[in-house]
């Protein structure tokens, strides 16, 4: 009997030790069991559904300027390149012209439409006058909507400028201005205040249409 009692006492002690060593479980402080979602740094805003590109200036096709058309592939604002040209000392005129074989339907109206492009200029203070034009006739001064450069020049800074022009503020030429469902010609031309000036670097990139915000 002593042996049995001793065995029973030892068994009770062992069970007690095991019970005493049992790992406690604690309720998580996160009562809801929820964690904040990871921040997605790759999210890109959705594209503007009203955006219609007239030309991204990645190719020289259809472009004219003073002298040769050169696509510069560094420093552009969008895509693979932009058209760059300069007015040298002794000259006072520059222009960029684009003709398309297929008219562009902007899907916009006089009331809600905008024409927009990136314009580079190294010194806007020496710009005197000029015009920005879009037409549906394939040439200037016919079915044309245009904007004067002189008022715009006062708002430009040295370097790249995002030029935004409302259809409703354009000057209309030839039967009510351009047909915005069939734009096939663009021109910007401008002159300097004199022919005596440092080289004036200019450029055009990413011509597009969009609805006003």
N, C-alpha and C. Protein backbone atom coordinates (compact mmCIF):
# COMPACT_ATOMS: atom_id res chain seq x y z
N UNK A 1 0.83 -1.20 0.00
CA UNK A 1 0.00 0.00 0.00
C UNK A 1 0.86 1.25 0.00
N UNK A 2 1.97 1.21 0.69
CA UNK A 2 2.86 2.38 0.72
C UNK A 2 3.37 2.67 -0.68
N UNK A 3 3.69 1.62 -1.41
CA UNK A 3 4.20 1.79 -2.78
C UNK A 3 3.15 2.44 -3.66
N UNK A 4 1.89 1.98 -3.50
CA UNK A 4 0.79 2.52 -4.30
C UNK A 4 0.55 3.97 -3.96
N UNK A 5 0.58 4.30 -2.65
CA UNK A 5 0.35 5.68 -2.22
C UNK A 5 1.46 6.58 -2.76
N UNK A 6 2.68 6.05 -2.66
CA UNK A 6 3.82 6.85 -3.14
C UNK A 6 3.67 7.10 -4.63
N UNK A 7 3.29 6.07 -5.36
CA UNK A 7 3.12 6.21 -6.81
C UNK A 7 2.03 7.21 -7.13
N UNK A 8 0.95 7.16 -6.36
CA UNK A 8 -0.16 8.07 -6.59
C UNK A 8 0.27 9.50 -6.30
N UNK A 9 1.03 9.71 -5.24
CA UNK A 9 1.49 11.06 -4.88
C UNK A 9 2.39 11.60 -5.99
N UNK A 10 3.29 10.75 -6.46
CA UNK A 10 4.21 11.18 -7.54
C UNK A 10 3.44 11.53 -8.79
N UNK A 11 2.40 10.72 -9.09
CA UNK A 11 1.60 10.98 -10.29
C UNK A 11 0.89 12.31 -10.18
N UNK A 12 0.34 12.58 -9.01
CA UNK A 12 -0.36 13.85 -8.79
C UNK A 12 0.60 15.02 -8.94
N UNK A 13 1.82 14.85 -8.37
CA UNK A 13 2.83 15.92 -8.48
C UNK A 13 3.20 16.17 -9.94
N UNK A 14 3.39 15.12 -10.72
CA UNK A 14 3.78 15.25 -12.13
C UNK A 14 2.68 15.95 -12.91
N UNK A 15 1.42 15.51 -12.67
CA UNK A 15 0.28 16.15 -13.36
C UNK A 15 0.20 17.62 -13.00
N UNK A 16 0.45 17.91 -11.72
CA UNK A 16 0.42 19.31 -11.26
C UNK A 16 1.49 20.14 -11.93
N UNK A 17 2.70 19.55 -12.06
CA UNK A 17 3.79 20.28 -12.71
C UNK A 17 3.46 20.56 -14.17
N UNK A 18 2.88 19.55 -14.86
CA UNK A 18 2.52 19.72 -16.28
C UNK A 18 1.47 20.81 -16.41
N UNK A 19 0.49 20.78 -15.51
CA UNK A 19 -0.57 21.79 -15.55
C UNK A 19 0.00 23.17 -15.29
N UNK A 20 0.97 23.24 -14.38
CA UNK A 20 1.58 24.53 -14.06
C UNK A 20 2.42 25.07 -15.19
N UNK A 21 2.95 24.20 -16.02
CA UNK A 21 3.79 24.63 -17.15
C UNK A 21 2.98 24.90 -18.41
N UNK A 22 1.66 24.69 -18.36
CA UNK A 22 0.84 24.87 -19.54
C UNK A 22 0.89 26.32 -20.01
N UNK A 23 1.08 26.53 -21.34
CA UNK A 23 1.20 27.88 -21.92
C UNK A 23 -0.14 28.60 -21.84
N UNK A 24 -0.10 29.81 -21.32
CA UNK A 24 -1.30 30.62 -21.24
C UNK A 24 -1.62 31.22 -22.61
N UNK A 25 -2.87 31.35 -22.95
CA UNK A 25 -3.31 32.00 -24.17
C UNK A 25 -3.99 33.32 -23.82
N UNK A 26 -3.59 34.37 -24.53
CA UNK A 26 -4.15 35.70 -24.27
C UNK A 26 -4.91 36.18 -25.51
N UNK A 27 -5.95 36.85 -25.29
CA UNK A 27 -6.75 37.40 -26.39
C UNK A 27 -5.99 38.53 -27.08
N UNK A 28 -5.98 38.53 -28.41
CA UNK A 28 -5.29 39.58 -29.17
C UNK A 28 -5.88 40.94 -28.84
N UNK A 29 -5.01 41.93 -28.78
CA UNK A 29 -5.47 43.30 -28.55
C UNK A 29 -6.26 43.82 -29.76
N UNK A 30 -6.02 43.22 -30.91
CA UNK A 30 -6.76 43.59 -32.12
C UNK A 30 -8.10 42.87 -32.09
N UNK A 31 -9.06 43.49 -31.37
CA UNK A 31 -10.34 42.84 -31.12
C UNK A 31 -11.06 42.52 -32.43
N UNK A 32 -10.97 43.43 -33.39
CA UNK A 32 -11.66 43.24 -34.66
C UNK A 32 -10.95 42.24 -35.56
N UNK A 33 -9.70 41.97 -35.26
CA UNK A 33 -8.94 41.04 -36.08
C UNK A 33 -8.59 41.62 -37.44
N UNK A 34 -8.60 42.95 -37.55
CA UNK A 34 -8.33 43.60 -38.83
C UNK A 34 -6.99 44.30 -38.82
N UNK A 35 -6.36 44.37 -40.00
CA UNK A 35 -5.11 45.10 -40.17
C UNK A 35 -5.26 46.08 -41.31
N UNK A 36 -4.63 47.27 -41.25
CA UNK A 36 -4.76 48.24 -42.36
C UNK A 36 -4.15 47.66 -43.62
N UNK A 37 -4.78 47.90 -44.78
CA UNK A 37 -4.24 47.36 -46.04
C UNK A 37 -2.92 48.03 -46.37
N UNK A 38 -2.01 47.33 -47.06
CA UNK A 38 -0.73 47.93 -47.44
C UNK A 38 -0.94 49.07 -48.42
N UNK A 39 -0.08 50.07 -48.35
CA UNK A 39 -0.17 51.22 -49.25
C UNK A 39 0.35 50.82 -50.62
N UNK A 40 -0.46 51.02 -51.65
CA UNK A 40 -0.07 50.69 -53.02
C UNK A 40 0.55 51.93 -53.66
N UNK A 41 1.88 51.93 -53.77
CA UNK A 41 2.58 53.10 -54.31
C UNK A 41 2.61 53.09 -55.84
N UNK A 42 2.06 52.04 -56.45
CA UNK A 42 2.10 51.96 -57.91
C UNK A 42 0.80 52.42 -58.56
N UNK A 43 -0.17 52.82 -57.73
CA UNK A 43 -1.46 53.23 -58.27
C UNK A 43 -1.31 54.48 -59.13
N UNK A 44 -1.86 54.43 -60.34
CA UNK A 44 -1.81 55.56 -61.27
C UNK A 44 -3.24 56.05 -61.49
N UNK A 45 -3.46 57.37 -61.43
CA UNK A 45 -4.82 57.87 -61.67
C UNK A 45 -5.34 57.41 -63.03
N UNK A 46 -6.62 57.12 -63.14
CA UNK A 46 -7.16 56.68 -64.43
C UNK A 46 -7.03 57.78 -65.47
N UNK A 47 -6.87 57.42 -66.74
CA UNK A 47 -6.73 58.43 -67.78
C UNK A 47 -8.01 59.23 -67.94
N UNK A 48 -7.87 60.46 -68.40
CA UNK A 48 -9.02 61.33 -68.67
C UNK A 48 -9.82 60.72 -69.83
N UNK A 49 -11.07 60.35 -69.60
CA UNK A 49 -11.85 59.71 -70.66
C UNK A 49 -12.11 60.63 -71.86
N UNK A 50 -11.96 61.95 -71.65
CA UNK A 50 -12.22 62.88 -72.75
C UNK A 50 -10.98 63.16 -73.58
N UNK A 51 -9.83 62.63 -73.17
CA UNK A 51 -8.56 62.95 -73.83
C UNK A 51 -8.50 62.36 -75.25
N UNK A 52 -8.15 63.23 -76.22
CA UNK A 52 -7.93 62.82 -77.60
C UNK A 52 -6.61 63.43 -78.05
N UNK A 53 -5.65 62.60 -78.43
CA UNK A 53 -4.33 63.09 -78.82
C UNK A 53 -4.34 63.50 -80.29
N UNK A 54 -3.87 64.72 -80.55
CA UNK A 54 -3.70 65.18 -81.93
C UNK A 54 -2.36 64.71 -82.48
N UNK A 55 -1.30 64.89 -81.69
CA UNK A 55 0.03 64.40 -82.08
C UNK A 55 0.94 64.41 -80.85
N UNK A 56 1.72 63.34 -80.68
CA UNK A 56 2.63 63.29 -79.53
C UNK A 56 4.06 63.71 -79.87
N UNK A 57 4.28 64.15 -81.11
CA UNK A 57 5.58 64.70 -81.58
C UNK A 57 6.73 63.71 -81.42
N UNK A 58 6.45 62.44 -81.45
CA UNK A 58 7.53 61.44 -81.38
C UNK A 58 8.15 61.18 -82.75
N UNK A 59 7.46 61.61 -83.82
CA UNK A 59 7.95 61.42 -85.18
C UNK A 59 7.83 62.73 -85.95
N UNK A 60 8.67 62.89 -86.96
CA UNK A 60 8.67 64.11 -87.76
C UNK A 60 7.60 64.11 -88.84
N UNK A 61 6.90 62.99 -89.02
CA UNK A 61 5.89 62.86 -90.08
C UNK A 61 4.86 63.97 -90.02
N UNK A 62 4.68 64.69 -91.13
CA UNK A 62 3.64 65.71 -91.22
C UNK A 62 4.00 67.05 -90.61
N UNK A 63 5.18 67.15 -90.03
CA UNK A 63 5.60 68.40 -89.36
C UNK A 63 6.43 69.28 -90.28
N UNK A 64 6.27 70.58 -90.09
CA UNK A 64 7.10 71.59 -90.76
C UNK A 64 7.56 72.61 -89.71
N UNK A 65 8.74 73.14 -89.92
CA UNK A 65 9.23 74.21 -89.07
C UNK A 65 10.23 75.01 -89.89
N UNK A 66 10.89 75.96 -89.28
CA UNK A 66 11.92 76.73 -89.98
C UNK A 66 13.15 75.84 -90.11
N UNK A 67 13.51 75.46 -91.33
CA UNK A 67 14.61 74.52 -91.52
C UNK A 67 14.15 73.09 -91.34
N UNK A 68 15.07 72.24 -90.90
CA UNK A 68 14.79 70.80 -90.76
C UNK A 68 13.98 70.52 -89.50
N UNK A 69 13.15 69.46 -89.58
CA UNK A 69 12.39 69.01 -88.41
C UNK A 69 13.24 68.00 -87.66
N UNK A 70 13.58 68.31 -86.43
CA UNK A 70 14.43 67.43 -85.62
C UNK A 70 13.67 66.98 -84.37
N UNK A 71 13.63 65.67 -84.14
CA UNK A 71 13.02 65.12 -82.94
C UNK A 71 14.11 64.96 -81.88
N UNK A 72 13.95 65.66 -80.77
CA UNK A 72 14.88 65.56 -79.64
C UNK A 72 14.36 64.53 -78.66
N UNK A 73 15.20 63.58 -78.27
CA UNK A 73 14.74 62.43 -77.46
C UNK A 73 15.15 62.54 -75.99
N UNK A 74 15.58 63.70 -75.55
CA UNK A 74 15.86 63.92 -74.13
C UNK A 74 15.17 65.20 -73.69
N UNK A 75 14.65 65.20 -72.49
CA UNK A 75 14.03 66.41 -71.95
C UNK A 75 12.57 66.59 -72.34
N UNK A 76 11.97 65.62 -73.03
CA UNK A 76 10.58 65.74 -73.45
C UNK A 76 9.63 65.66 -72.25
N UNK A 77 8.41 66.13 -72.44
CA UNK A 77 7.41 66.07 -71.38
C UNK A 77 6.56 64.81 -71.46
N UNK A 78 6.53 64.15 -72.62
CA UNK A 78 5.72 62.95 -72.80
C UNK A 78 6.28 62.15 -73.95
N UNK A 79 6.15 60.84 -73.89
CA UNK A 79 6.51 59.99 -75.00
C UNK A 79 8.01 59.90 -75.26
N UNK A 80 8.35 59.68 -76.53
CA UNK A 80 9.74 59.40 -76.91
C UNK A 80 10.54 60.63 -77.33
N UNK A 81 9.88 61.77 -77.50
CA UNK A 81 10.63 62.94 -77.93
C UNK A 81 9.76 64.15 -78.13
N UNK A 82 10.38 65.25 -78.61
CA UNK A 82 9.66 66.47 -78.94
C UNK A 82 10.38 67.19 -80.06
N UNK A 83 9.70 68.16 -80.68
CA UNK A 83 10.29 68.92 -81.77
C UNK A 83 10.90 70.19 -81.21
N UNK A 84 12.18 70.36 -81.46
CA UNK A 84 12.93 71.48 -80.92
C UNK A 84 13.52 72.30 -82.06
N UNK A 85 13.51 73.62 -81.89
CA UNK A 85 14.12 74.51 -82.87
C UNK A 85 14.48 75.82 -82.18
N UNK A 86 15.34 76.60 -82.80
CA UNK A 86 15.83 77.83 -82.18
C UNK A 86 15.78 79.00 -83.15
N UNK A 87 15.55 80.18 -82.61
CA UNK A 87 15.68 81.42 -83.37
C UNK A 87 17.06 81.99 -83.05
N UNK A 88 17.94 82.00 -84.03
CA UNK A 88 19.30 82.48 -83.82
C UNK A 88 19.33 84.00 -83.82
N UNK A 89 20.39 84.56 -83.27
CA UNK A 89 20.60 86.01 -83.34
C UNK A 89 20.63 86.42 -84.81
N UNK A 90 19.94 87.49 -85.13
CA UNK A 90 19.83 87.94 -86.51
C UNK A 90 18.53 87.51 -87.18
N UNK A 91 17.75 86.65 -86.50
CA UNK A 91 16.45 86.21 -87.00
C UNK A 91 15.37 86.58 -85.98
N UNK A 92 14.12 86.58 -86.44
CA UNK A 92 13.04 86.99 -85.52
C UNK A 92 11.75 86.19 -85.70
N UNK A 93 11.82 85.01 -86.33
CA UNK A 93 10.58 84.29 -86.62
C UNK A 93 10.77 82.78 -86.42
N UNK A 94 9.69 82.14 -85.89
CA UNK A 94 9.66 80.69 -85.75
C UNK A 94 8.23 80.21 -85.93
N UNK A 95 8.08 79.01 -86.47
CA UNK A 95 6.77 78.39 -86.56
C UNK A 95 6.89 76.87 -86.51
N UNK A 96 5.80 76.22 -86.06
CA UNK A 96 5.66 74.77 -86.07
C UNK A 96 4.30 74.47 -86.69
N UNK A 97 4.29 73.61 -87.70
CA UNK A 97 3.06 73.26 -88.42
C UNK A 97 2.92 71.74 -88.47
N UNK A 98 1.70 71.27 -88.22
CA UNK A 98 1.41 69.84 -88.33
C UNK A 98 0.16 69.63 -89.16
N UNK A 99 0.27 68.81 -90.22
CA UNK A 99 -0.87 68.40 -91.04
C UNK A 99 -1.09 66.91 -90.86
N UNK A 100 -2.35 66.51 -90.71
CA UNK A 100 -2.68 65.10 -90.56
C UNK A 100 -3.41 64.61 -91.80
N UNK A 101 -3.13 63.39 -92.21
CA UNK A 101 -3.83 62.81 -93.36
C UNK A 101 -5.24 62.36 -92.98
N UNK A 102 -5.42 62.02 -91.70
CA UNK A 102 -6.74 61.62 -91.19
C UNK A 102 -7.21 62.64 -90.17
N UNK A 103 -8.34 63.33 -90.41
CA UNK A 103 -8.83 64.32 -89.45
C UNK A 103 -9.09 63.71 -88.08
N UNK A 104 -8.88 64.50 -87.05
CA UNK A 104 -9.06 64.05 -85.68
C UNK A 104 -10.40 64.55 -85.14
N UNK A 105 -11.21 63.63 -84.66
CA UNK A 105 -12.48 63.97 -84.04
C UNK A 105 -12.23 64.18 -82.54
N UNK A 106 -12.35 65.42 -82.09
CA UNK A 106 -12.08 65.72 -80.67
C UNK A 106 -13.19 65.23 -79.76
N UNK A 107 -14.38 65.00 -80.32
CA UNK A 107 -15.58 64.60 -79.55
C UNK A 107 -15.95 65.65 -78.52
N UNK A 108 -15.55 66.90 -78.79
CA UNK A 108 -15.82 68.01 -77.88
C UNK A 108 -16.60 69.09 -78.60
N UNK A 109 -17.11 70.04 -77.82
CA UNK A 109 -17.90 71.12 -78.39
C UNK A 109 -17.26 72.47 -78.09
N UNK A 110 -17.82 73.50 -78.71
CA UNK A 110 -17.37 74.86 -78.44
C UNK A 110 -17.45 75.19 -76.95
N UNK A 111 -18.47 74.68 -76.29
CA UNK A 111 -18.71 75.02 -74.89
C UNK A 111 -17.78 74.30 -73.92
N UNK A 112 -17.42 73.03 -74.22
CA UNK A 112 -16.67 72.27 -73.21
C UNK A 112 -15.25 71.90 -73.61
N UNK A 113 -14.83 72.26 -74.85
CA UNK A 113 -13.54 71.78 -75.33
C UNK A 113 -12.35 72.65 -75.00
N UNK A 114 -11.19 72.00 -74.93
CA UNK A 114 -9.90 72.68 -74.75
C UNK A 114 -8.86 72.06 -75.67
N UNK A 115 -7.96 72.91 -76.14
CA UNK A 115 -6.77 72.45 -76.85
C UNK A 115 -5.59 72.68 -75.91
N UNK A 116 -4.70 71.67 -75.84
CA UNK A 116 -3.64 71.71 -74.83
C UNK A 116 -2.34 71.16 -75.42
N UNK A 117 -1.21 71.77 -75.09
CA UNK A 117 0.08 71.26 -75.54
C UNK A 117 1.19 71.80 -74.64
N UNK A 118 2.34 71.13 -74.70
CA UNK A 118 3.52 71.59 -73.98
C UNK A 118 4.36 72.47 -74.90
N UNK A 119 4.75 73.62 -74.39
CA UNK A 119 5.51 74.59 -75.18
C UNK A 119 6.76 74.98 -74.41
N UNK A 120 7.93 74.79 -75.04
CA UNK A 120 9.20 75.15 -74.41
C UNK A 120 9.69 76.47 -75.00
N UNK A 121 10.13 77.36 -74.13
CA UNK A 121 10.74 78.61 -74.58
C UNK A 121 11.78 79.05 -73.55
N UNK A 122 12.97 79.38 -74.03
CA UNK A 122 14.05 79.70 -73.10
C UNK A 122 13.92 81.11 -72.51
N UNK A 123 13.28 82.04 -73.25
CA UNK A 123 13.10 83.41 -72.74
C UNK A 123 11.81 84.01 -73.30
N UNK A 124 10.70 83.87 -72.59
CA UNK A 124 9.43 84.37 -73.11
C UNK A 124 9.35 85.90 -73.18
N UNK A 125 10.26 86.60 -72.51
CA UNK A 125 10.17 88.06 -72.47
C UNK A 125 10.49 88.72 -73.81
N UNK A 126 11.08 87.98 -74.75
CA UNK A 126 11.41 88.60 -76.04
C UNK A 126 10.43 88.20 -77.15
N UNK A 127 9.32 87.54 -76.76
CA UNK A 127 8.27 87.23 -77.73
C UNK A 127 7.40 88.46 -77.94
N UNK A 128 7.16 88.80 -79.20
CA UNK A 128 6.35 89.99 -79.51
C UNK A 128 4.91 89.62 -79.83
N UNK A 129 4.69 88.77 -80.82
CA UNK A 129 3.33 88.42 -81.22
C UNK A 129 3.34 87.09 -81.95
N UNK A 130 2.16 86.67 -82.40
CA UNK A 130 2.03 85.41 -83.12
C UNK A 130 0.64 84.84 -82.96
N UNK A 131 0.46 83.57 -83.35
CA UNK A 131 -0.86 82.96 -83.31
C UNK A 131 -0.75 81.45 -83.14
N UNK A 132 -1.73 80.88 -82.45
CA UNK A 132 -1.88 79.43 -82.32
C UNK A 132 -3.18 79.07 -83.02
N UNK A 133 -3.13 78.11 -83.95
CA UNK A 133 -4.27 77.86 -84.82
C UNK A 133 -4.56 76.36 -84.97
N UNK A 134 -5.84 76.02 -84.94
CA UNK A 134 -6.28 74.68 -85.34
C UNK A 134 -7.38 74.86 -86.38
N UNK A 135 -7.35 74.05 -87.43
CA UNK A 135 -8.34 74.19 -88.50
C UNK A 135 -8.84 72.82 -88.95
N UNK A 136 -9.96 72.84 -89.65
CA UNK A 136 -10.51 71.62 -90.25
C UNK A 136 -10.49 71.73 -91.77
N UNK A 137 -9.74 72.69 -92.28
CA UNK A 137 -9.65 72.90 -93.73
C UNK A 137 -8.33 72.43 -94.32
N UNK A 138 -7.41 72.03 -93.47
CA UNK A 138 -6.10 71.61 -93.95
C UNK A 138 -5.15 72.75 -94.22
N UNK A 139 -5.55 73.97 -93.84
CA UNK A 139 -4.70 75.14 -94.06
C UNK A 139 -5.09 76.24 -93.08
N UNK A 140 -4.25 77.24 -92.97
CA UNK A 140 -4.52 78.34 -92.05
C UNK A 140 -5.55 79.30 -92.64
N UNK A 141 -6.23 80.03 -91.73
CA UNK A 141 -7.16 81.12 -92.09
C UNK A 141 -8.43 80.63 -92.78
N UNK A 142 -8.75 79.37 -92.69
CA UNK A 142 -9.97 78.84 -93.28
C UNK A 142 -10.54 77.78 -92.33
N UNK A 143 -11.78 77.98 -91.88
CA UNK A 143 -12.37 77.10 -90.86
C UNK A 143 -11.37 76.93 -89.70
N UNK A 144 -11.03 78.07 -89.15
CA UNK A 144 -9.94 78.13 -88.15
C UNK A 144 -10.44 78.67 -86.81
N UNK A 145 -9.93 78.08 -85.73
CA UNK A 145 -10.06 78.63 -84.38
C UNK A 145 -8.65 78.94 -83.90
N UNK A 146 -8.45 80.19 -83.43
CA UNK A 146 -7.09 80.64 -83.15
C UNK A 146 -7.03 81.44 -81.85
N UNK A 147 -5.82 81.55 -81.31
CA UNK A 147 -5.56 82.31 -80.09
C UNK A 147 -4.29 83.14 -80.29
N UNK A 148 -4.32 84.39 -79.86
CA UNK A 148 -3.16 85.27 -80.00
C UNK A 148 -2.04 84.85 -79.04
N UNK A 149 -0.82 84.92 -79.52
CA UNK A 149 0.34 84.57 -78.69
C UNK A 149 0.70 85.69 -77.73
N UNK A 150 0.54 86.94 -78.12
CA UNK A 150 0.98 88.07 -77.29
C UNK A 150 0.43 88.03 -75.86
N UNK A 151 -0.88 87.86 -75.65
CA UNK A 151 -1.39 87.77 -74.27
C UNK A 151 -0.85 86.54 -73.53
N UNK A 152 -0.67 85.45 -74.28
CA UNK A 152 -0.16 84.22 -73.67
C UNK A 152 1.28 84.39 -73.20
N UNK A 153 2.08 85.12 -73.98
CA UNK A 153 3.51 85.28 -73.68
C UNK A 153 3.73 85.86 -72.28
N UNK A 154 2.81 86.71 -71.85
CA UNK A 154 2.95 87.33 -70.53
C UNK A 154 2.79 86.33 -69.39
N UNK A 155 2.20 85.17 -69.67
CA UNK A 155 1.98 84.16 -68.63
C UNK A 155 3.02 83.04 -68.67
N UNK A 156 3.88 83.04 -69.68
CA UNK A 156 4.85 81.96 -69.84
C UNK A 156 6.05 82.15 -68.94
N UNK A 157 6.67 81.04 -68.57
CA UNK A 157 7.92 81.06 -67.82
C UNK A 157 9.01 80.41 -68.67
N UNK A 158 10.25 80.63 -68.32
CA UNK A 158 11.35 79.99 -69.04
C UNK A 158 11.30 78.48 -68.81
N UNK A 159 11.39 77.72 -69.88
CA UNK A 159 11.31 76.26 -69.79
C UNK A 159 10.00 75.76 -70.36
N UNK A 160 9.52 74.64 -69.83
CA UNK A 160 8.28 74.04 -70.33
C UNK A 160 7.05 74.72 -69.73
N UNK A 161 6.03 74.91 -70.58
CA UNK A 161 4.76 75.48 -70.16
C UNK A 161 3.62 74.61 -70.69
N UNK A 162 2.67 74.30 -69.82
CA UNK A 162 1.48 73.55 -70.23
C UNK A 162 0.43 74.55 -70.69
N UNK A 163 0.30 74.72 -71.99
CA UNK A 163 -0.60 75.72 -72.57
C UNK A 163 -2.00 75.11 -72.69
N UNK A 164 -2.99 75.78 -72.11
CA UNK A 164 -4.37 75.31 -72.11
C UNK A 164 -5.25 76.39 -72.72
N UNK A 165 -5.95 76.06 -73.81
CA UNK A 165 -6.73 77.04 -74.56
C UNK A 165 -8.17 76.56 -74.71
N UNK A 166 -9.12 77.35 -74.25
CA UNK A 166 -10.54 77.01 -74.37
C UNK A 166 -11.03 77.28 -75.80
N UNK A 167 -11.79 76.34 -76.35
CA UNK A 167 -12.40 76.56 -77.66
C UNK A 167 -13.24 77.84 -77.65
N UNK A 168 -13.94 78.06 -76.56
CA UNK A 168 -14.89 79.17 -76.48
C UNK A 168 -14.21 80.54 -76.53
N UNK A 169 -12.91 80.58 -76.27
CA UNK A 169 -12.19 81.85 -76.26
C UNK A 169 -11.37 82.06 -77.53
N UNK A 170 -11.54 81.19 -78.51
CA UNK A 170 -10.77 81.29 -79.74
C UNK A 170 -11.36 82.33 -80.68
N UNK A 171 -10.53 82.80 -81.60
CA UNK A 171 -10.94 83.73 -82.65
C UNK A 171 -11.35 82.89 -83.87
N UNK A 172 -12.56 83.08 -84.34
CA UNK A 172 -13.10 82.24 -85.41
C UNK A 172 -12.86 82.87 -86.78
N UNK A 173 -12.43 82.06 -87.72
CA UNK A 173 -12.20 82.52 -89.10
C UNK A 173 -12.83 81.52 -90.07
N UNK A 174 -13.60 82.03 -91.02
CA UNK A 174 -14.13 81.17 -92.08
C UNK A 174 -15.27 80.30 -91.65
N UNK A 175 -16.50 80.81 -91.73
CA UNK A 175 -17.70 80.02 -91.50
C UNK A 175 -17.76 79.41 -90.10
N UNK A 176 -17.52 80.23 -89.10
CA UNK A 176 -17.74 79.80 -87.73
C UNK A 176 -16.58 79.09 -87.05
N UNK A 177 -15.41 79.14 -87.63
CA UNK A 177 -14.26 78.52 -87.00
C UNK A 177 -14.09 77.06 -87.39
N UNK A 178 -13.25 76.36 -86.64
CA UNK A 178 -12.92 74.97 -86.96
C UNK A 178 -14.08 74.03 -86.64
N UNK A 179 -14.18 72.97 -87.42
CA UNK A 179 -15.09 71.87 -87.12
C UNK A 179 -14.34 70.93 -86.17
N UNK A 180 -14.74 70.89 -84.90
CA UNK A 180 -13.99 70.15 -83.89
C UNK A 180 -14.10 68.63 -84.04
N UNK A 181 -14.89 68.18 -84.99
CA UNK A 181 -14.97 66.75 -85.26
C UNK A 181 -14.03 66.34 -86.40
N UNK A 182 -13.28 67.32 -86.94
CA UNK A 182 -12.43 67.01 -88.10
C UNK A 182 -11.19 67.91 -88.16
N UNK A 183 -10.43 67.97 -87.07
CA UNK A 183 -9.24 68.82 -87.03
C UNK A 183 -8.09 68.13 -87.79
N UNK A 184 -7.50 68.87 -88.74
CA UNK A 184 -6.42 68.26 -89.54
C UNK A 184 -5.22 69.18 -89.75
N UNK A 185 -5.20 70.32 -89.04
CA UNK A 185 -4.09 71.26 -89.24
C UNK A 185 -3.85 72.04 -87.95
N UNK A 186 -2.58 72.16 -87.59
CA UNK A 186 -2.15 72.96 -86.44
C UNK A 186 -0.99 73.84 -86.85
N UNK A 187 -1.01 75.07 -86.35
CA UNK A 187 0.15 75.94 -86.55
C UNK A 187 0.32 76.86 -85.35
N UNK A 188 1.56 77.03 -84.92
CA UNK A 188 1.92 78.10 -84.00
C UNK A 188 3.06 78.86 -84.64
N UNK A 189 2.93 80.17 -84.71
CA UNK A 189 4.04 81.00 -85.18
C UNK A 189 4.18 82.20 -84.25
N UNK A 190 5.39 82.70 -84.16
CA UNK A 190 5.65 83.83 -83.27
C UNK A 190 6.92 84.54 -83.71
N UNK A 191 7.03 85.78 -83.32
CA UNK A 191 8.20 86.58 -83.65
C UNK A 191 8.78 87.21 -82.39
N UNK A 192 10.01 87.64 -82.48
CA UNK A 192 10.69 88.27 -81.35
C UNK A 192 10.63 89.79 -81.47
N UNK A 193 10.91 90.47 -80.40
CA UNK A 193 10.83 91.93 -80.37
C UNK A 193 11.86 92.59 -81.27
N UNK A 194 12.96 91.90 -81.54
CA UNK A 194 13.98 92.39 -82.48
C UNK A 194 14.80 91.20 -82.95
N UNK A 195 15.70 91.46 -83.89
CA UNK A 195 16.59 90.41 -84.37
C UNK A 195 17.87 90.33 -83.56
N UNK A 196 18.04 91.25 -82.66
CA UNK A 196 19.25 91.28 -81.82
C UNK A 196 18.92 90.67 -80.47
N UNK A 197 19.19 89.38 -80.30
CA UNK A 197 18.86 88.68 -79.06
C UNK A 197 19.71 87.42 -78.96
N UNK A 198 19.88 86.88 -77.76
CA UNK A 198 20.55 85.58 -77.62
C UNK A 198 19.71 84.50 -78.32
N UNK A 199 20.33 83.36 -78.60
CA UNK A 199 19.58 82.27 -79.21
C UNK A 199 18.34 81.95 -78.38
N UNK A 200 17.18 81.88 -79.05
CA UNK A 200 15.92 81.58 -78.37
C UNK A 200 15.54 80.13 -78.68
N UNK A 201 15.61 79.28 -77.67
CA UNK A 201 15.30 77.85 -77.84
C UNK A 201 13.80 77.64 -77.63
N UNK A 202 13.16 76.93 -78.57
CA UNK A 202 11.73 76.67 -78.49
C UNK A 202 11.45 75.20 -78.78
N UNK A 203 10.29 74.72 -78.35
CA UNK A 203 9.93 73.33 -78.59
C UNK A 203 8.44 73.07 -78.40
N UNK A 204 7.96 71.99 -79.01
CA UNK A 204 6.55 71.59 -78.97
C UNK A 204 6.46 70.12 -78.59
N UNK A 205 5.52 69.79 -77.68
CA UNK A 205 5.33 68.39 -77.30
C UNK A 205 3.87 68.12 -76.93
N UNK A 206 3.40 66.93 -77.26
CA UNK A 206 2.14 66.33 -76.80
C UNK A 206 0.93 67.24 -77.00
N UNK A 207 0.47 67.35 -78.23
CA UNK A 207 -0.71 68.14 -78.57
C UNK A 207 -1.96 67.27 -78.37
N UNK A 208 -2.93 67.77 -77.59
CA UNK A 208 -4.12 66.95 -77.30
C UNK A 208 -5.34 67.83 -77.03
N UNK A 209 -6.49 67.18 -77.06
CA UNK A 209 -7.77 67.82 -76.76
C UNK A 209 -8.37 67.16 -75.53
N UNK A 210 -9.13 67.94 -74.77
CA UNK A 210 -9.78 67.39 -73.59
C UNK A 210 -10.94 68.29 -73.17
N UNK A 211 -11.82 67.76 -72.34
CA UNK A 211 -12.93 68.55 -71.82
C UNK A 211 -12.46 69.43 -70.68
N UNK A 212 -13.06 70.60 -70.55
CA UNK A 212 -12.74 71.50 -69.45
C UNK A 212 -13.13 70.86 -68.13
N UNK A 213 -12.35 71.11 -67.10
CA UNK A 213 -12.63 70.58 -65.76
C UNK A 213 -13.42 71.59 -64.94
